[in-house]
Structure formats: structure tokens, C-alpha cells
Protein backbone atom coordinates (compact mmCIF):
# COMPACT_ATOMS: atom_id res chain seq x y z
CA MET A 1 0.00 0.00 0.00
CA LYS A 2 2.85 2.39 0.72
CA LYS A 3 4.22 1.95 -2.81
CA ILE A 4 0.82 2.57 -4.33
CA ARG A 5 0.42 5.77 -2.33
CA PHE A 6 3.93 6.90 -3.31
CA TRP A 7 3.27 6.60 -7.05
CA TYR A 8 -0.23 8.00 -6.69
CA VAL A 9 1.26 11.18 -5.23
CA CYS A 10 4.49 11.37 -7.22
CA LEU A 11 3.37 10.37 -10.72
CA PRO A 12 1.51 13.65 -11.43
CA ILE A 13 4.56 15.59 -10.23
CA PHE A 14 6.82 13.51 -12.47
CA LEU A 15 4.57 14.14 -15.50
CA CYS A 16 4.58 17.86 -14.80
CA LEU A 17 8.37 17.87 -14.69
CA VAL A 18 8.60 15.99 -18.00
CA THR A 19 6.15 18.43 -19.52
CA ALA A 20 8.18 21.42 -18.33
CA VAL A 21 11.39 19.96 -19.73
CA LYS A 22 9.89 19.26 -23.14
CA GLY A 23 8.01 22.55 -23.22
CA GLN A 24 4.82 20.78 -24.28
CA PRO A 25 1.83 19.76 -22.14
CA LEU A 26 0.99 16.06 -21.92
CA SER A 27 -2.67 15.95 -22.86
CA THR A 28 -5.05 13.56 -24.55
CA GLU A 29 -7.68 16.28 -24.98
CA ARG A 30 -9.46 16.22 -28.31
CA ILE A 31 -9.89 19.74 -29.65
CA GLN A 32 -12.91 20.70 -31.73
CA LEU A 33 -12.60 23.39 -34.40
CA LYS A 34 -15.51 24.96 -36.27
CA VAL A 35 -14.37 26.19 -39.69
CA LEU A 36 -16.22 28.26 -42.30
CA SER A 37 -15.24 29.06 -45.88
CA TYR A 38 -17.24 31.89 -47.45
CA ASN A 39 -16.94 33.82 -50.69
CA ILE A 40 -18.74 36.98 -49.55
CA HIS A 41 -19.09 38.80 -52.92
CA HIS A 42 -17.75 42.00 -51.29
CA CYS A 43 -20.76 41.94 -48.92
CA ASN A 44 -23.07 42.63 -51.86
CA PRO A 45 -26.33 40.62 -51.86
CA PRO A 46 -26.87 39.73 -55.54
CA SER A 47 -30.59 40.52 -55.36
CA LYS A 48 -29.98 44.06 -54.08
CA GLY A 49 -28.15 45.78 -56.92
CA ALA A 50 -25.14 47.71 -55.61
CA LEU A 51 -26.19 47.55 -51.94
CA ILE A 52 -23.43 46.65 -49.46
CA ASP A 53 -24.73 44.70 -46.45
CA ILE A 54 -21.86 43.84 -44.13
CA GLU A 55 -24.24 42.95 -41.30
CA ALA A 56 -25.82 40.17 -43.40
CA ILE A 57 -22.43 38.45 -43.81
CA ALA A 58 -21.60 39.00 -40.13
CA GLU A 59 -24.89 37.37 -39.13
CA VAL A 60 -24.10 34.26 -41.19
CA ILE A 61 -20.72 33.98 -39.47
CA ARG A 62 -22.17 34.52 -35.99
CA LYS A 63 -24.89 31.91 -36.52
CA SER A 64 -22.34 29.36 -37.72
CA GLY A 65 -20.39 29.65 -34.46
CA ALA A 66 -17.17 29.30 -36.45
CA ASP A 67 -13.79 29.55 -34.74
CA LEU A 68 -11.89 30.09 -38.01
CA VAL A 69 -13.32 31.75 -41.12
CA ALA A 70 -11.80 31.99 -44.60
CA LEU A 71 -13.24 34.88 -46.61
CA GLN A 72 -12.87 35.51 -50.32
CA GLU A 73 -13.77 38.60 -52.42
CA VAL A 74 -13.16 41.11 -49.63
CA ASP A 75 -13.10 44.88 -50.26
CA VAL A 76 -10.96 47.29 -48.26
CA ASN A 77 -11.57 51.03 -48.79
CA THR A 78 -12.95 50.67 -52.33
CA ILE A 79 -15.35 53.08 -53.97
CA ARG A 80 -17.97 50.38 -54.65
CA SER A 81 -18.05 49.27 -50.99
CA GLY A 82 -17.46 52.67 -49.41
CA LYS A 83 -14.22 54.55 -48.88
CA GLY A 84 -13.11 54.02 -45.30
CA ASN A 85 -14.86 50.65 -45.10
CA ASN A 86 -12.39 47.88 -44.36
CA GLN A 87 -14.66 44.86 -44.69
CA ALA A 88 -12.20 42.49 -43.00
CA ARG A 89 -11.91 44.76 -39.97
CA LEU A 90 -15.64 45.51 -39.81
CA LEU A 91 -16.56 41.82 -39.99
CA ALA A 92 -14.02 41.10 -37.24
CA GLU A 93 -15.56 43.78 -35.05
CA LYS A 94 -19.11 42.56 -35.69
CA THR A 95 -18.22 38.95 -34.87
CA GLY A 96 -15.78 39.59 -32.02
CA MET A 97 -12.90 37.97 -33.87
CA ASN A 98 -9.33 38.78 -34.90
CA TYR A 99 -8.54 39.28 -38.58
CA TYR A 100 -5.87 39.22 -41.24
CA PHE A 101 -6.28 40.58 -44.79
CA SER A 102 -4.21 39.69 -47.84
CA LYS A 103 -4.44 41.98 -50.87
CA ALA A 104 -4.73 40.48 -54.34
CA ILE A 105 -5.23 43.58 -56.49
CA ASP A 106 -5.79 47.34 -56.42
CA TYR A 107 -9.46 48.07 -56.96
CA GLU A 108 -11.37 51.37 -57.19
CA GLY A 109 -9.00 53.31 -54.99
CA GLY A 110 -8.65 50.50 -52.44
CA ASP A 111 -7.70 46.85 -52.06
CA TYR A 112 -9.42 43.58 -52.94
CA GLY A 113 -8.42 40.12 -51.77
CA VAL A 114 -8.98 37.42 -49.16
CA ALA A 115 -9.14 37.50 -45.38
CA ILE A 116 -9.18 35.35 -42.27
CA LEU A 117 -11.22 35.73 -39.08
CA SER A 118 -10.12 33.89 -35.95
CA ARG A 119 -11.49 33.50 -32.43
CA TYR A 120 -7.92 32.64 -31.43
CA SER A 121 -5.20 35.24 -31.22
CA ILE A 122 -3.08 35.31 -34.36
CA GLN A 123 0.48 34.27 -33.55
CA ASP A 124 1.91 34.77 -37.03
CA SER A 125 0.65 35.71 -40.50
CA MET A 126 1.79 35.41 -44.10
CA ARG A 127 0.74 36.71 -47.50
CA LEU A 128 1.55 34.62 -50.58
CA ASP A 129 1.25 35.92 -54.14
CA LEU A 130 0.07 33.17 -56.50
CA PRO A 131 1.51 32.98 -60.03
CA ILE A 132 -0.18 33.13 -63.42
CA HIS A 133 1.18 32.11 -66.81
CA ALA A 134 2.61 35.01 -68.81
CA ASN A 135 0.53 34.03 -71.82
CA LEU A 136 -2.69 33.63 -69.78
CA PRO A 137 -3.18 37.00 -68.10
CA GLU A 138 -5.98 37.40 -65.57
CA GLU A 139 -6.61 38.84 -62.12
CA THR A 140 -3.76 38.32 -59.65
CA ARG A 141 -4.53 35.92 -56.81
CA THR A 142 -3.28 35.70 -53.24
CA LEU A 143 -3.25 33.36 -50.24
CA ALA A 144 -3.52 34.46 -46.61
CA ALA A 145 -2.25 32.22 -43.82
CA VAL A 146 -2.15 32.61 -40.06
CA THR A 147 -0.79 30.52 -37.22
CA VAL A 148 -3.08 30.18 -34.22
CA SER A 149 -2.65 28.39 -30.91
CA VAL A 150 -5.81 26.32 -30.37
CA ALA A 151 -4.59 24.79 -27.09
CA PRO A 152 -1.38 24.92 -25.04
CA GLY A 153 1.36 23.51 -27.24
CA ARG A 154 -1.00 22.94 -30.20
CA GLN A 155 -0.78 25.25 -33.20
CA VAL A 156 -2.67 25.19 -36.48
CA ILE A 157 -1.93 26.97 -39.73
CA PHE A 158 -5.16 28.27 -41.28
CA ALA A 159 -5.21 29.56 -44.85
CA SER A 160 -7.68 31.24 -47.20
CA THR A 161 -7.36 31.63 -50.95
CA HIS A 162 -9.30 32.18 -54.19
CA LEU A 163 -7.84 30.64 -57.34
CA GLY A 164 -8.00 31.93 -60.90
CA LEU A 165 -10.62 31.47 -63.58
CA LYS A 166 -8.33 29.70 -66.06
CA ALA A 167 -7.53 26.03 -65.43
CA ALA A 168 -3.87 26.29 -66.40
CA ASN A 169 -3.38 29.15 -63.97
CA ARG A 170 -5.17 27.22 -61.23
CA ARG A 171 -2.82 24.27 -61.74
CA LEU A 172 0.18 26.56 -61.49
CA GLN A 173 -1.25 28.13 -58.34
CA VAL A 174 -1.88 24.71 -56.77
CA GLU A 175 1.73 23.73 -57.47
CA ASN A 176 2.84 26.90 -55.70
CA ILE A 177 0.59 26.24 -52.69
CA LEU A 178 1.84 22.67 -52.35
CA SER A 179 5.48 23.69 -52.58
CA HIS A 180 4.88 26.17 -49.78
CA PHE A 181 2.96 23.96 -47.33
CA LYS A 182 4.59 20.55 -47.80
CA PRO A 183 7.69 21.43 -45.70
CA PHE A 184 5.55 22.46 -42.69
CA ASP A 185 5.33 20.12 -39.69
CA LYS A 186 2.11 21.64 -38.33
CA GLU A 187 -1.50 20.79 -39.01
CA VAL A 188 -2.86 22.90 -41.87
CA ILE A 189 -6.45 23.78 -42.75
CA LEU A 190 -6.91 25.34 -46.19
CA ALA A 191 -10.32 26.85 -47.00
CA ALA A 192 -10.97 28.36 -50.39
CA ASP A 193 -12.98 29.15 -53.47
CA PHE A 194 -10.88 27.07 -55.85
CA ASN A 195 -13.05 27.84 -58.90
CA ALA A 196 -12.75 24.12 -59.69
CA THR A 197 -15.03 21.10 -59.36
CA PRO A 198 -14.00 18.08 -57.25
CA ASP A 199 -13.04 15.95 -60.27
CA SER A 200 -10.83 18.64 -61.86
CA GLU A 201 -7.13 18.08 -62.41
CA GLU A 202 -6.16 20.89 -60.05
CA MET A 203 -8.21 19.45 -57.18
CA LYS A 204 -6.74 16.00 -57.79
CA MET A 205 -3.30 17.60 -57.49
CA LEU A 206 -4.21 18.77 -53.98
CA TYR A 207 -5.73 15.52 -52.69
CA PRO A 208 -2.50 13.55 -52.01
CA PHE A 209 -1.47 16.21 -49.47
CA PHE A 210 -4.75 17.91 -48.51
CA SER A 211 -7.78 15.82 -47.64
CA PRO A 212 -11.22 17.35 -48.36
CA SER A 213 -13.73 17.51 -45.52
CA CYS A 214 -16.33 16.02 -47.88
CA ARG A 215 -15.42 13.22 -50.30
CA GLU A 216 -18.73 12.07 -51.82
CA ASN A 217 -22.29 13.32 -52.25
CA CYS A 218 -21.06 16.80 -51.36
CA ASP A 219 -23.37 19.79 -51.41
CA PHE A 220 -23.05 22.23 -54.29
CA THR A 221 -22.02 25.79 -53.40
CA ILE A 222 -22.97 27.95 -56.39
CA PRO A 223 -25.31 29.52 -57.47
CA VAL A 224 -27.17 30.08 -54.23
CA GLN A 225 -30.51 29.27 -55.82
CA ARG A 226 -30.62 25.81 -57.37
CA PRO A 227 -26.86 25.27 -56.97
CA ASN A 228 -25.34 22.98 -59.58
CA ARG A 229 -21.62 22.69 -58.80
CA LYS A 230 -19.15 22.69 -55.93
CA ILE A 231 -16.18 25.08 -56.08
CA ASP A 232 -15.80 26.00 -52.38
CA TYR A 233 -13.89 23.66 -50.04
CA ILE A 234 -12.32 23.07 -46.66
CA LEU A 235 -9.22 20.85 -46.80
CA HIS A 236 -6.85 19.62 -44.10
CA SER A 237 -3.43 18.06 -43.67
CA PRO A 238 -2.29 15.59 -42.45
CA VAL A 239 -5.32 13.35 -42.72
CA ASN A 240 -4.53 11.46 -39.49
CA ALA A 241 -4.58 14.65 -37.39
CA PHE A 242 -8.31 15.28 -37.86
CA ASN A 243 -11.67 13.61 -37.56
CA ILE A 244 -14.53 15.15 -39.52
CA LEU A 245 -17.52 15.26 -37.17
CA GLU A 246 -19.77 17.05 -39.66
CA THR A 247 -19.54 19.06 -42.85
CA TYR A 248 -22.24 20.78 -44.86
CA THR A 249 -23.18 23.78 -46.96
CA ILE A 250 -25.28 26.43 -45.21
CA ASP A 251 -28.45 27.30 -47.13
CA GLU A 252 -28.09 31.12 -46.99
CA GLN A 253 -29.39 32.63 -50.22
CA TYR A 254 -29.42 36.37 -49.52
CA ALA A 255 -26.02 37.62 -48.37
CA SER A 256 -23.72 36.41 -51.18
CA ASP A 257 -23.65 34.60 -54.53
CA HIS A 258 -21.89 31.61 -52.89
CA LEU A 259 -23.17 29.29 -50.18
CA PRO A 260 -20.83 29.07 -47.17
CA VAL A 261 -19.21 25.72 -46.31
CA PHE A 262 -18.97 24.58 -42.69
CA THR A 263 -16.87 21.79 -41.15
CA LEU A 264 -16.59 20.66 -37.55
CA PHE A 265 -13.14 19.13 -36.98
CA GLU A 266 -11.88 17.09 -34.06
CA MET A 267 -8.11 17.30 -33.77
CA ILE A 268 -6.51 14.08 -32.61
CA GLY A 269 -3.05 12.93 -31.60
CA ASN A 270 0.06 15.07 -31.76
CA LEU A 271 2.50 15.68 -34.60
């Protein structure tokens, strides 16, 4: 009995010492992450002409309960959306989240690109310019990525992007994304409007490294009324670091011309 009492008292102390030495907590806790990917059409409801309705997008995000949100088609200080209106910042304020914006192009006196909202503090951020072929000119594209700490000793890289309209440019952009993320040793969640259907060559290029949250019988995401194709996704890497508890498209037909995609992840194990 004495030995049992000794280890009963000392084992927790020993584990704490090991944890302090390694700098990482010893925990079997499974962390749940609610993730949303949303092309917000610069907060312009398609049925309302040129009206900008930031509150409508904010309400969709609030109702989803998302912890991490990838936004595409975001205006910052443009004429069409209102000079002085930083949509990334305003959406962050309305949802009580932190934000990071990555500019793709100059537009009407301001900036246009993608953004990230996060309930977690942003530890680090990165903007990546995506390439296009010289003989296939089109709008420049960008990728935003942040590092967030979702639990003590557990970081996730979360990224948002919006690929080009031309398939050859999308393939080139996917190659660039893969070359950037493959060396990382952290879990990565990539949420995006890829402008590509699930069976496209560019999506098949992503699948060996990034696993989609939905693999079959997936909801379509565009147009919002009678949608007929899926081009918006939430992907993750590595596959063995996540369980997908649920994933679906939110039926919200007013705020944007895309339906938002939601995934509930459970993070498992440790890298």
C-alpha cells in the first residue's frame, strides 16, 4: 500500500516535470474546431443591386459559431463598398474575432483580396502571391495564412485563398501552394474558393497532401438558388490529425452569390 500511495502522489509531479522539460503539455484532450469558408461577394447581396450589407455576412458567421473563417472577395476602402470601409476589420468587429487581410489587387481606390477571421489570437501571419502564366493574363490571386494556438502547445496553420478562372493558372497556383505547405510540420487547414469542381485536375493535385472535408455526395455551393456545382472547399493536412464530425453547406441565399461551407473538426493525436 505504501508503494501505491507513493506513485499515486508522485506520478503527477513527475509528469509535470517531464512536460516542463519538453516545453509541451501532456494531454489527450481532443480539440474541436468549427471552420467556415465563405466567398462573400464584397458583402453585396446579388438581389440588391449595388447595396453593401456587411451585417448580413456578419450574421451568417455569428450563426455558424465558427472559430476560423476563410473569406474571399473582400473589399478594403474601395469606392464600390465605401471609402473608409475595411470589410475584413468591420466583420471582425461585428463577430468579435481577430482578422488578417491579404491583398490580391488594387481596386477602385482601395484593395481587394482574401481574409481570415479567428477567435484565437493570431500568432503569425503570411501573404503569398500566387503565379499566373505570362501568356494567360488574368486577375492576380493571393493566399492568406495565419498561425493560431488552439490549445497549449498545439498550433494550427489556417489559410484562405481564391484561385484563378483559367484552369492552367489554377494548376500553377496549386503547385505553388503545395510547394509552400509541404515542408511544414504543423496541421494545416486550407479553405478556399478554388473555382474548380471536385473531379478537376487541379483538385486531384491537392488531394494527395490535402484531404477534403467532404469526399462524396457533397453539397453544391454555387449559385445560391438551385446550386449545380461545388467550387468552395475546406481541406486539411495531415489526414490522421483530424476527424470530420460534420460538414455541410449552409443554405443562406441572400447575403452572397456563394453558399458558405462549414466543417466541424476534431483534432486528434500530436504531430
